[in-house]
N, C-alpha and C. Protein backbone atom coordinates (compact mmCIF):
# COMPACT_ATOMS: atom_id res chain seq x y z
N MET A 1 48.92 111.96 -131.19
CA MET A 1 48.73 113.39 -131.20
C MET A 1 49.80 114.02 -130.30
N GLY A 2 50.49 115.03 -130.80
CA GLY A 2 51.55 115.68 -130.05
C GLY A 2 51.02 116.67 -129.03
N ALA A 3 51.92 117.14 -128.18
CA ALA A 3 51.56 118.10 -127.13
C ALA A 3 51.00 119.39 -127.71
N GLY A 4 51.54 119.83 -128.84
CA GLY A 4 51.05 121.05 -129.48
C GLY A 4 49.62 120.90 -129.95
N ALA A 5 49.29 119.75 -130.52
CA ALA A 5 47.92 119.51 -130.99
C ALA A 5 46.95 119.45 -129.82
N VAL A 6 47.37 118.84 -128.72
CA VAL A 6 46.52 118.76 -127.53
C VAL A 6 46.27 120.17 -126.99
N ALA A 7 47.32 120.99 -126.95
CA ALA A 7 47.17 122.37 -126.46
C ALA A 7 46.22 123.16 -127.36
N ILE A 8 46.36 123.00 -128.66
CA ILE A 8 45.47 123.71 -129.60
C ILE A 8 44.03 123.24 -129.42
N ALA A 9 43.84 121.93 -129.26
CA ALA A 9 42.48 121.39 -129.05
C ALA A 9 41.89 121.92 -127.75
N ALA A 10 42.69 121.97 -126.69
CA ALA A 10 42.21 122.47 -125.40
C ALA A 10 41.81 123.94 -125.51
N ILE A 11 42.62 124.73 -126.18
CA ILE A 11 42.31 126.16 -126.37
C ILE A 11 41.04 126.32 -127.20
N ALA A 12 40.90 125.50 -128.23
CA ALA A 12 39.71 125.58 -129.09
C ALA A 12 38.45 125.21 -128.30
N ILE A 13 38.52 124.16 -127.51
CA ILE A 13 37.36 123.75 -126.70
C ILE A 13 37.01 124.85 -125.70
N TYR A 14 38.03 125.41 -125.05
CA TYR A 14 37.78 126.50 -124.10
C TYR A 14 37.13 127.69 -124.81
N GLY A 15 37.69 128.09 -125.95
CA GLY A 15 37.20 129.27 -126.66
C GLY A 15 35.85 129.08 -127.32
N LEU A 16 35.58 127.88 -127.80
CA LEU A 16 34.33 127.64 -128.53
C LEU A 16 33.19 127.12 -127.66
N VAL A 17 33.52 126.49 -126.54
CA VAL A 17 32.47 125.87 -125.72
C VAL A 17 32.45 126.44 -124.30
N PHE A 18 33.54 126.26 -123.59
CA PHE A 18 33.56 126.56 -122.16
C PHE A 18 33.35 128.05 -121.87
N TYR A 19 34.15 128.92 -122.48
CA TYR A 19 34.04 130.36 -122.22
C TYR A 19 32.67 130.90 -122.60
N PRO A 20 32.13 130.58 -123.80
CA PRO A 20 30.78 131.07 -124.11
C PRO A 20 29.73 130.57 -123.12
N LEU A 21 29.87 129.34 -122.64
CA LEU A 21 28.93 128.80 -121.66
C LEU A 21 29.02 129.60 -120.35
N LEU A 22 30.23 129.95 -119.93
CA LEU A 22 30.40 130.79 -118.74
C LEU A 22 29.69 132.12 -118.92
N GLU A 23 29.83 132.72 -120.09
CA GLU A 23 29.22 134.03 -120.34
C GLU A 23 27.70 133.95 -120.41
N VAL A 24 27.16 132.95 -121.07
CA VAL A 24 25.70 132.79 -121.18
C VAL A 24 25.08 132.63 -119.79
N THR A 25 25.76 131.88 -118.94
CA THR A 25 25.21 131.64 -117.60
C THR A 25 25.52 132.77 -116.63
N ASN A 26 26.18 133.80 -117.10
CA ASN A 26 26.57 134.93 -116.25
C ASN A 26 25.69 136.15 -116.50
N SER A 27 24.39 135.92 -116.61
CA SER A 27 23.46 137.02 -116.86
C SER A 27 22.24 136.89 -115.95
N THR A 28 21.63 138.01 -115.66
CA THR A 28 20.40 138.00 -114.87
C THR A 28 19.32 137.22 -115.61
N ALA A 29 19.26 137.37 -116.94
CA ALA A 29 18.25 136.64 -117.72
C ALA A 29 18.38 135.14 -117.50
N PHE A 30 19.59 134.62 -117.50
CA PHE A 30 19.78 133.19 -117.26
C PHE A 30 19.36 132.83 -115.83
N CYS A 31 19.77 133.64 -114.87
CA CYS A 31 19.46 133.35 -113.46
C CYS A 31 17.97 133.26 -113.21
N VAL A 32 17.20 134.15 -113.81
CA VAL A 32 15.76 134.16 -113.54
C VAL A 32 14.97 133.30 -114.53
N SER A 33 15.67 132.53 -115.35
CA SER A 33 14.96 131.64 -116.27
C SER A 33 14.31 130.47 -115.52
N CYS A 34 14.76 130.20 -114.30
CA CYS A 34 14.10 129.20 -113.46
C CYS A 34 12.87 129.85 -112.84
N HIS A 35 11.75 129.15 -112.87
CA HIS A 35 10.50 129.71 -112.37
C HIS A 35 10.61 130.14 -110.91
N SER A 36 11.30 129.35 -110.09
CA SER A 36 11.38 129.69 -108.67
C SER A 36 12.11 131.01 -108.45
N MET A 37 13.11 131.29 -109.24
CA MET A 37 13.85 132.55 -109.10
C MET A 37 13.02 133.72 -109.62
N GLU A 38 12.38 133.53 -110.76
CA GLU A 38 11.59 134.61 -111.36
C GLU A 38 10.45 135.01 -110.44
N ALA A 39 9.85 134.04 -109.79
CA ALA A 39 8.68 134.31 -108.95
C ALA A 39 9.04 134.83 -107.55
N THR A 40 10.28 134.70 -107.15
CA THR A 40 10.64 135.09 -105.77
C THR A 40 11.69 136.19 -105.76
N VAL A 41 12.95 135.80 -105.79
CA VAL A 41 14.04 136.76 -105.60
C VAL A 41 14.12 137.82 -106.69
N TYR A 42 13.71 137.49 -107.91
CA TYR A 42 13.74 138.49 -108.98
C TYR A 42 12.75 139.61 -108.71
N GLN A 43 11.59 139.27 -108.20
CA GLN A 43 10.58 140.30 -107.88
C GLN A 43 11.10 141.22 -106.77
N GLU A 44 11.80 140.66 -105.80
CA GLU A 44 12.38 141.47 -104.72
C GLU A 44 13.49 142.38 -105.27
N TYR A 45 14.33 141.81 -106.11
CA TYR A 45 15.44 142.55 -106.72
C TYR A 45 14.91 143.75 -107.50
N LYS A 46 13.79 143.58 -108.22
CA LYS A 46 13.24 144.67 -109.03
C LYS A 46 12.75 145.84 -108.17
N GLN A 47 12.55 145.61 -106.88
CA GLN A 47 12.14 146.67 -105.96
C GLN A 47 13.33 147.33 -105.27
N SER A 48 14.54 146.88 -105.57
CA SER A 48 15.72 147.36 -104.85
C SER A 48 16.47 148.46 -105.61
N ALA A 49 17.35 149.14 -104.89
CA ALA A 49 18.20 150.16 -105.50
C ALA A 49 19.26 149.54 -106.40
N HIS A 50 19.50 148.24 -106.27
CA HIS A 50 20.44 147.59 -107.19
C HIS A 50 19.82 147.44 -108.58
N TYR A 51 18.50 147.47 -108.67
CA TYR A 51 17.79 147.38 -109.95
C TYR A 51 17.53 148.76 -110.54
N SER A 52 17.02 149.67 -109.73
CA SER A 52 16.66 151.01 -110.20
C SER A 52 17.06 152.04 -109.16
N ASN A 53 17.79 153.07 -109.60
CA ASN A 53 18.27 154.10 -108.68
C ASN A 53 18.51 155.40 -109.44
N PRO A 54 18.69 156.51 -108.75
CA PRO A 54 18.86 157.79 -109.42
C PRO A 54 20.06 157.86 -110.37
N SER A 55 21.12 157.10 -110.09
CA SER A 55 22.30 157.16 -110.95
C SER A 55 22.17 156.31 -112.20
N GLY A 56 21.17 155.44 -112.26
CA GLY A 56 20.97 154.61 -113.44
C GLY A 56 21.90 153.43 -113.56
N VAL A 57 22.65 153.13 -112.52
CA VAL A 57 23.57 151.99 -112.53
C VAL A 57 22.82 150.78 -112.00
N ARG A 58 22.82 149.71 -112.77
CA ARG A 58 22.11 148.49 -112.36
C ARG A 58 23.12 147.37 -112.11
N ALA A 59 23.00 146.75 -110.94
CA ALA A 59 23.79 145.56 -110.63
C ALA A 59 22.90 144.35 -110.87
N GLY A 60 23.35 143.42 -111.69
CA GLY A 60 22.59 142.21 -111.96
C GLY A 60 23.01 141.08 -111.05
N CYS A 61 22.33 139.95 -111.17
CA CYS A 61 22.63 138.78 -110.32
C CYS A 61 24.13 138.46 -110.28
N PRO A 62 24.81 138.35 -111.44
CA PRO A 62 26.22 137.98 -111.39
C PRO A 62 27.11 139.02 -110.71
N ASP A 63 26.70 140.28 -110.74
CA ASP A 63 27.52 141.31 -110.09
C ASP A 63 27.64 141.06 -108.59
N CYS A 64 26.59 140.52 -107.99
CA CYS A 64 26.59 140.26 -106.55
C CYS A 64 26.92 138.81 -106.19
N HIS A 65 26.59 137.88 -107.07
CA HIS A 65 26.70 136.46 -106.73
C HIS A 65 27.84 135.72 -107.41
N VAL A 66 28.52 136.35 -108.37
CA VAL A 66 29.59 135.65 -109.09
C VAL A 66 30.88 136.47 -108.99
N PRO A 67 31.92 135.90 -108.37
CA PRO A 67 33.19 136.61 -108.28
C PRO A 67 33.77 136.93 -109.66
N LYS A 68 34.59 137.95 -109.73
CA LYS A 68 35.19 138.37 -111.00
C LYS A 68 36.38 137.49 -111.39
N GLN A 69 37.15 137.02 -110.40
CA GLN A 69 38.35 136.23 -110.68
C GLN A 69 37.95 134.85 -111.20
N PHE A 70 38.75 134.34 -112.14
CA PHE A 70 38.41 133.10 -112.84
C PHE A 70 38.20 131.90 -111.90
N GLY A 71 39.14 131.62 -111.01
CA GLY A 71 39.01 130.46 -110.11
C GLY A 71 37.76 130.52 -109.24
N PRO A 72 37.59 131.61 -108.48
CA PRO A 72 36.37 131.73 -107.67
C PRO A 72 35.09 131.74 -108.51
N LYS A 73 35.18 132.28 -109.74
CA LYS A 73 34.01 132.27 -110.63
C LYS A 73 33.62 130.84 -110.97
N LEU A 74 34.61 129.98 -111.25
CA LEU A 74 34.33 128.57 -111.56
C LEU A 74 33.67 127.87 -110.37
N VAL A 75 34.17 128.15 -109.18
CA VAL A 75 33.57 127.55 -107.97
C VAL A 75 32.12 127.98 -107.85
N ALA A 76 31.85 129.27 -108.05
CA ALA A 76 30.47 129.78 -107.97
C ALA A 76 29.59 129.13 -109.03
N LYS A 77 30.12 128.90 -110.22
CA LYS A 77 29.34 128.28 -111.29
C LYS A 77 29.00 126.82 -110.95
N VAL A 78 29.94 126.11 -110.36
CA VAL A 78 29.67 124.73 -109.95
C VAL A 78 28.58 124.71 -108.89
N ARG A 79 28.66 125.62 -107.93
CA ARG A 79 27.63 125.69 -106.90
C ARG A 79 26.28 126.08 -107.49
N ALA A 80 26.29 126.99 -108.45
CA ALA A 80 25.04 127.41 -109.09
C ALA A 80 24.44 126.27 -109.90
N ALA A 81 25.28 125.43 -110.50
CA ALA A 81 24.78 124.28 -111.25
C ALA A 81 23.97 123.36 -110.33
N LYS A 82 24.36 123.31 -109.08
CA LYS A 82 23.63 122.53 -108.09
C LYS A 82 22.20 123.07 -107.94
N ASP A 83 22.05 124.40 -107.97
CA ASP A 83 20.72 125.00 -107.88
C ASP A 83 19.88 124.66 -109.11
N VAL A 84 20.51 124.71 -110.29
CA VAL A 84 19.80 124.34 -111.52
C VAL A 84 19.34 122.89 -111.42
N TRP A 85 20.21 122.03 -110.93
CA TRP A 85 19.88 120.62 -110.75
C TRP A 85 18.68 120.46 -109.82
N HIS A 86 18.66 121.20 -108.72
CA HIS A 86 17.54 121.09 -107.78
C HIS A 86 16.26 121.70 -108.35
N GLU A 87 16.38 122.66 -109.23
CA GLU A 87 15.20 123.18 -109.94
C GLU A 87 14.63 122.07 -110.83
N ILE A 88 15.51 121.38 -111.56
CA ILE A 88 15.09 120.29 -112.45
C ILE A 88 14.48 119.13 -111.65
N LEU A 89 15.11 118.79 -110.53
CA LEU A 89 14.59 117.71 -109.68
C LEU A 89 13.25 118.04 -109.04
N GLY A 90 12.93 119.32 -108.96
CA GLY A 90 11.69 119.73 -108.33
C GLY A 90 11.83 120.07 -106.86
N THR A 91 13.06 120.14 -106.37
CA THR A 91 13.29 120.45 -104.96
C THR A 91 12.93 121.89 -104.63
N ILE A 92 13.23 122.82 -105.56
CA ILE A 92 12.98 124.25 -105.32
C ILE A 92 12.23 124.88 -106.49
N ASP A 93 11.44 124.11 -107.21
CA ASP A 93 10.84 124.58 -108.47
C ASP A 93 9.55 125.38 -108.32
N THR A 94 9.06 125.57 -107.13
CA THR A 94 7.88 126.41 -106.91
C THR A 94 8.24 127.43 -105.84
N PRO A 95 7.53 128.55 -105.80
CA PRO A 95 7.82 129.53 -104.74
C PRO A 95 7.72 128.92 -103.34
N GLU A 96 6.77 128.03 -103.12
CA GLU A 96 6.61 127.40 -101.80
C GLU A 96 7.82 126.53 -101.45
N LYS A 97 8.26 125.72 -102.40
CA LYS A 97 9.42 124.86 -102.15
C LYS A 97 10.68 125.72 -101.97
N PHE A 98 10.81 126.75 -102.80
CA PHE A 98 11.94 127.66 -102.70
C PHE A 98 11.99 128.28 -101.30
N GLU A 99 10.85 128.76 -100.82
CA GLU A 99 10.78 129.39 -99.50
C GLU A 99 11.15 128.40 -98.40
N ALA A 100 10.78 127.14 -98.57
CA ALA A 100 11.10 126.13 -97.56
C ALA A 100 12.62 125.94 -97.42
N HIS A 101 13.37 126.24 -98.47
CA HIS A 101 14.83 126.06 -98.46
C HIS A 101 15.58 127.39 -98.39
N ARG A 102 14.85 128.47 -98.36
CA ARG A 102 15.46 129.79 -98.50
C ARG A 102 16.44 130.15 -97.37
N TRP A 103 16.11 129.83 -96.13
CA TRP A 103 16.99 130.17 -95.01
C TRP A 103 18.38 129.58 -95.21
N ARG A 104 18.41 128.31 -95.54
CA ARG A 104 19.70 127.64 -95.72
C ARG A 104 20.43 128.18 -96.94
N MET A 105 19.70 128.42 -98.04
CA MET A 105 20.34 128.94 -99.25
C MET A 105 20.91 130.33 -99.00
N ALA A 106 20.15 131.18 -98.32
CA ALA A 106 20.63 132.54 -98.01
C ALA A 106 21.88 132.47 -97.15
N ASN A 107 21.88 131.57 -96.16
CA ASN A 107 23.06 131.44 -95.31
C ASN A 107 24.28 130.98 -96.08
N ALA A 108 24.10 130.15 -97.10
CA ALA A 108 25.23 129.73 -97.94
C ALA A 108 25.81 130.93 -98.67
N VAL A 109 24.95 131.80 -99.18
CA VAL A 109 25.42 133.01 -99.88
C VAL A 109 26.11 133.94 -98.90
N TRP A 110 25.49 134.16 -97.74
CA TRP A 110 26.09 135.06 -96.75
C TRP A 110 27.44 134.54 -96.29
N SER A 111 27.56 133.24 -96.11
CA SER A 111 28.85 132.65 -95.69
C SER A 111 29.92 132.89 -96.75
N MET A 112 29.53 132.70 -98.02
CA MET A 112 30.48 132.95 -99.11
C MET A 112 30.92 134.41 -99.10
N MET A 113 29.97 135.31 -98.90
CA MET A 113 30.32 136.74 -98.89
C MET A 113 31.22 137.08 -97.70
N GLU A 114 30.96 136.47 -96.55
CA GLU A 114 31.82 136.71 -95.39
C GLU A 114 33.23 136.17 -95.64
N ARG A 115 33.33 134.97 -96.23
CA ARG A 115 34.64 134.37 -96.52
C ARG A 115 35.46 135.22 -97.48
N THR A 116 34.78 135.91 -98.40
CA THR A 116 35.49 136.70 -99.42
C THR A 116 35.54 138.18 -99.07
N ASP A 117 35.21 138.53 -97.82
CA ASP A 117 35.17 139.93 -97.39
C ASP A 117 34.28 140.76 -98.32
N SER A 118 33.14 140.19 -98.67
CA SER A 118 32.15 140.86 -99.54
C SER A 118 32.79 141.40 -100.82
N ALA A 119 33.66 140.59 -101.43
CA ALA A 119 34.39 141.02 -102.63
C ALA A 119 33.47 141.47 -103.75
N THR A 120 32.34 140.80 -103.94
CA THR A 120 31.46 141.22 -105.03
C THR A 120 30.84 142.58 -104.71
N CYS A 121 30.53 142.84 -103.45
CA CYS A 121 30.03 144.18 -103.06
C CYS A 121 31.10 145.22 -103.34
N ARG A 122 32.32 144.89 -102.94
CA ARG A 122 33.43 145.84 -103.04
C ARG A 122 33.89 146.08 -104.48
N SER A 123 33.41 145.29 -105.42
CA SER A 123 33.75 145.58 -106.81
C SER A 123 33.04 146.84 -107.29
N CYS A 124 31.99 147.26 -106.57
CA CYS A 124 31.31 148.53 -106.88
C CYS A 124 31.43 149.53 -105.73
N HIS A 125 31.37 149.06 -104.50
CA HIS A 125 31.37 149.93 -103.32
C HIS A 125 32.74 149.87 -102.65
N ALA A 126 33.34 151.03 -102.43
CA ALA A 126 34.65 151.07 -101.77
C ALA A 126 34.61 152.09 -100.65
N TRP A 127 35.19 151.72 -99.51
CA TRP A 127 35.21 152.64 -98.37
C TRP A 127 35.76 154.00 -98.79
N GLU A 128 36.88 153.98 -99.51
CA GLU A 128 37.55 155.23 -99.86
C GLU A 128 36.73 156.11 -100.81
N SER A 129 35.73 155.53 -101.45
CA SER A 129 34.87 156.31 -102.35
C SER A 129 33.61 156.83 -101.67
N MET A 130 33.35 156.37 -100.46
CA MET A 130 32.14 156.80 -99.76
C MET A 130 32.28 158.22 -99.23
N ASP A 131 31.25 159.01 -99.45
CA ASP A 131 31.17 160.36 -98.88
C ASP A 131 30.30 160.24 -97.64
N LEU A 132 30.93 159.97 -96.52
CA LEU A 132 30.18 159.76 -95.28
C LEU A 132 29.36 160.99 -94.89
N ASP A 133 29.86 162.18 -95.22
CA ASP A 133 29.12 163.40 -94.87
C ASP A 133 27.81 163.52 -95.63
N ALA A 134 27.69 162.85 -96.76
CA ALA A 134 26.44 162.89 -97.54
C ALA A 134 25.43 161.86 -97.03
N GLN A 135 25.86 160.98 -96.13
CA GLN A 135 24.96 159.95 -95.59
C GLN A 135 24.20 160.49 -94.39
N ASP A 136 23.07 159.84 -94.10
CA ASP A 136 22.33 160.26 -92.90
C ASP A 136 23.14 159.92 -91.65
N ARG A 137 22.71 160.43 -90.52
CA ARG A 137 23.45 160.29 -89.26
C ARG A 137 23.75 158.84 -88.92
N ILE A 138 22.76 157.97 -89.05
CA ILE A 138 22.94 156.56 -88.70
C ILE A 138 23.88 155.87 -89.68
N GLY A 139 23.68 156.09 -90.98
CA GLY A 139 24.55 155.50 -91.99
C GLY A 139 25.99 155.92 -91.81
N LYS A 140 26.18 157.21 -91.58
CA LYS A 140 27.53 157.75 -91.37
C LYS A 140 28.19 157.07 -90.16
N ARG A 141 27.48 156.97 -89.05
CA ARG A 141 28.02 156.37 -87.83
C ARG A 141 28.36 154.89 -88.05
N LYS A 142 27.42 154.17 -88.66
CA LYS A 142 27.63 152.72 -88.85
C LYS A 142 28.76 152.44 -89.85
N HIS A 143 28.81 153.20 -90.95
CA HIS A 143 29.88 152.97 -91.92
C HIS A 143 31.25 153.35 -91.35
N ARG A 144 31.32 154.44 -90.60
CA ARG A 144 32.59 154.83 -89.99
C ARG A 144 33.05 153.73 -89.02
N SER A 145 32.15 153.23 -88.21
CA SER A 145 32.47 152.17 -87.25
C SER A 145 32.91 150.90 -88.00
N ALA A 146 32.19 150.54 -89.05
CA ALA A 146 32.53 149.34 -89.82
C ALA A 146 33.92 149.46 -90.44
N MET A 147 34.23 150.65 -90.97
CA MET A 147 35.57 150.87 -91.55
C MET A 147 36.65 150.69 -90.48
N GLU A 148 36.45 151.31 -89.34
CA GLU A 148 37.45 151.26 -88.26
C GLU A 148 37.63 149.85 -87.73
N GLU A 149 36.56 149.07 -87.69
CA GLU A 149 36.61 147.72 -87.14
C GLU A 149 36.93 146.66 -88.19
N GLY A 150 37.04 147.06 -89.45
CA GLY A 150 37.34 146.11 -90.52
C GLY A 150 36.21 145.13 -90.80
N ARG A 151 34.98 145.58 -90.62
CA ARG A 151 33.83 144.71 -90.86
C ARG A 151 33.57 144.59 -92.35
N THR A 152 32.85 143.55 -92.73
CA THR A 152 32.53 143.33 -94.13
C THR A 152 31.07 143.68 -94.39
N CYS A 153 30.75 144.05 -95.61
CA CYS A 153 29.43 144.56 -95.99
C CYS A 153 28.28 143.67 -95.52
N ILE A 154 28.39 142.37 -95.77
CA ILE A 154 27.27 141.46 -95.54
C ILE A 154 26.92 141.32 -94.05
N GLU A 155 27.84 141.69 -93.17
CA GLU A 155 27.54 141.62 -91.73
C GLU A 155 26.32 142.48 -91.39
N CYS A 156 26.17 143.61 -92.07
CA CYS A 156 25.06 144.52 -91.79
C CYS A 156 23.99 144.53 -92.88
N HIS A 157 24.34 144.12 -94.07
CA HIS A 157 23.44 144.30 -95.20
C HIS A 157 22.74 143.03 -95.67
N LYS A 158 22.52 142.07 -94.80
CA LYS A 158 21.70 140.90 -95.15
C LYS A 158 20.27 141.39 -95.35
N GLY A 159 19.64 140.93 -96.39
CA GLY A 159 18.27 141.35 -96.65
C GLY A 159 18.17 142.69 -97.36
N LEU A 160 19.26 143.17 -97.92
CA LEU A 160 19.26 144.46 -98.60
C LEU A 160 18.53 144.40 -99.94
N VAL A 161 18.81 143.40 -100.74
CA VAL A 161 18.21 143.28 -102.07
C VAL A 161 17.07 142.27 -102.07
N HIS A 162 17.26 141.17 -101.38
CA HIS A 162 16.23 140.14 -101.26
C HIS A 162 15.72 140.13 -99.83
N LYS A 163 14.47 139.76 -99.66
CA LYS A 163 13.94 139.73 -98.29
C LYS A 163 14.77 138.80 -97.43
N ARG A 164 14.91 139.17 -96.20
CA ARG A 164 15.68 138.36 -95.27
C ARG A 164 14.79 137.21 -94.80
N PRO A 165 15.18 135.97 -95.07
CA PRO A 165 14.32 134.84 -94.68
C PRO A 165 14.25 134.69 -93.17
N ARG A 166 13.13 134.18 -92.74
CA ARG A 166 12.93 133.91 -91.32
C ARG A 166 13.69 132.64 -90.95
N ALA A 167 14.36 132.69 -89.82
CA ALA A 167 15.06 131.50 -89.34
C ALA A 167 14.04 130.43 -88.99
N PRO A 168 14.35 129.18 -89.25
CA PRO A 168 13.43 128.10 -88.88
C PRO A 168 13.15 128.14 -87.38
N ASP A 169 11.89 127.91 -87.01
CA ASP A 169 11.49 127.98 -85.60
C ASP A 169 11.86 126.73 -84.82
N THR A 170 11.89 125.60 -85.51
CA THR A 170 12.12 124.35 -84.80
C THR A 170 13.15 123.52 -85.53
N GLU A 171 13.63 122.51 -84.86
CA GLU A 171 14.57 121.58 -85.48
C GLU A 171 13.93 120.90 -86.68
N ASP A 172 12.63 120.60 -86.57
CA ASP A 172 11.90 119.97 -87.66
C ASP A 172 11.88 120.88 -88.89
N ALA A 173 11.62 122.16 -88.69
CA ALA A 173 11.59 123.11 -89.80
C ALA A 173 12.98 123.24 -90.41
N GLN A 174 14.01 123.21 -89.57
CA GLN A 174 15.37 123.29 -90.05
C GLN A 174 15.69 122.09 -90.94
N GLN A 175 15.26 120.93 -90.53
CA GLN A 175 15.52 119.73 -91.30
C GLN A 175 14.78 119.78 -92.64
N ARG A 176 13.54 120.23 -92.64
CA ARG A 176 12.79 120.35 -93.90
C ARG A 176 13.48 121.31 -94.85
N GLY A 177 14.04 122.39 -94.34
CA GLY A 177 14.70 123.39 -95.18
C GLY A 177 16.12 123.03 -95.51
N GLY A 178 16.67 122.02 -94.89
CA GLY A 178 18.08 121.74 -95.06
C GLY A 178 18.42 120.48 -95.79
N GLU A 179 17.47 119.84 -96.43
CA GLU A 179 17.77 118.54 -97.03
C GLU A 179 18.19 118.60 -98.49
N SER A 180 17.88 119.68 -99.21
CA SER A 180 18.06 119.64 -100.65
C SER A 180 19.51 119.73 -101.09
N GLY A 181 20.30 120.53 -100.41
CA GLY A 181 21.66 120.75 -100.86
C GLY A 181 21.77 121.87 -101.87
N ALA A 182 20.67 122.49 -102.27
CA ALA A 182 20.74 123.63 -103.17
C ALA A 182 21.41 124.78 -102.45
N THR A 183 22.13 125.64 -103.19
CA THR A 183 22.94 126.67 -102.55
C THR A 183 22.57 128.10 -102.91
N SER A 184 21.98 128.35 -104.05
CA SER A 184 21.72 129.70 -104.54
C SER A 184 22.99 130.53 -104.58
N GLN A 185 24.11 129.92 -104.90
CA GLN A 185 25.36 130.66 -105.02
C GLN A 185 25.34 131.58 -106.21
N GLY A 186 24.81 131.16 -107.30
CA GLY A 186 24.93 131.97 -108.48
C GLY A 186 23.64 132.51 -108.98
N ALA A 187 22.56 132.19 -108.35
CA ALA A 187 21.31 132.53 -109.00
C ALA A 187 20.34 133.32 -108.18
N GLY A 188 20.67 133.87 -107.11
CA GLY A 188 19.73 134.86 -106.66
C GLY A 188 19.33 135.00 -105.24
N SER A 189 19.57 134.22 -104.31
CA SER A 189 19.16 134.51 -102.95
C SER A 189 20.33 135.12 -102.21
N GLY A 190 20.17 136.27 -101.70
CA GLY A 190 21.28 136.83 -100.98
C GLY A 190 20.91 137.95 -100.23
């Protein structure tokens, strides 16, 4: 088989299999198809302004948890596959098990957002588009300070859409919550 045939086969596989798979897994419906997500973070999300707001703009799971650029998107998908695997294994398949791992999973998401300067937040929210005068006194002060100091969204907005998990009280609790390796990169804790 020549190089041209290999290239055509690679393009066909990408177009017929890989790209559609990326798109199918890039929806809120897919993210909440796991029972643990539907019963926990999805219920919290439905109470947030990212789900329902006066402007009618809805941000879904991938808008916040999946980068737009192809390379970072692939990394997020690989990490999210780990969560699906742990759902199948039964590590996080019930709300109780999910909660036991939630602190560590949330920290993985927050770390990713800090590393990327909250890029997924900034795909909708931009400093230059904010009308600080329309914000309340505290919001105006904090946003102005954050802009001047070059802070990133997630530094202040942890627990905005999903409840902020309680830090483990003891080393034992930390170990119980830290053994699975699930990340919630693509599917909902943040």
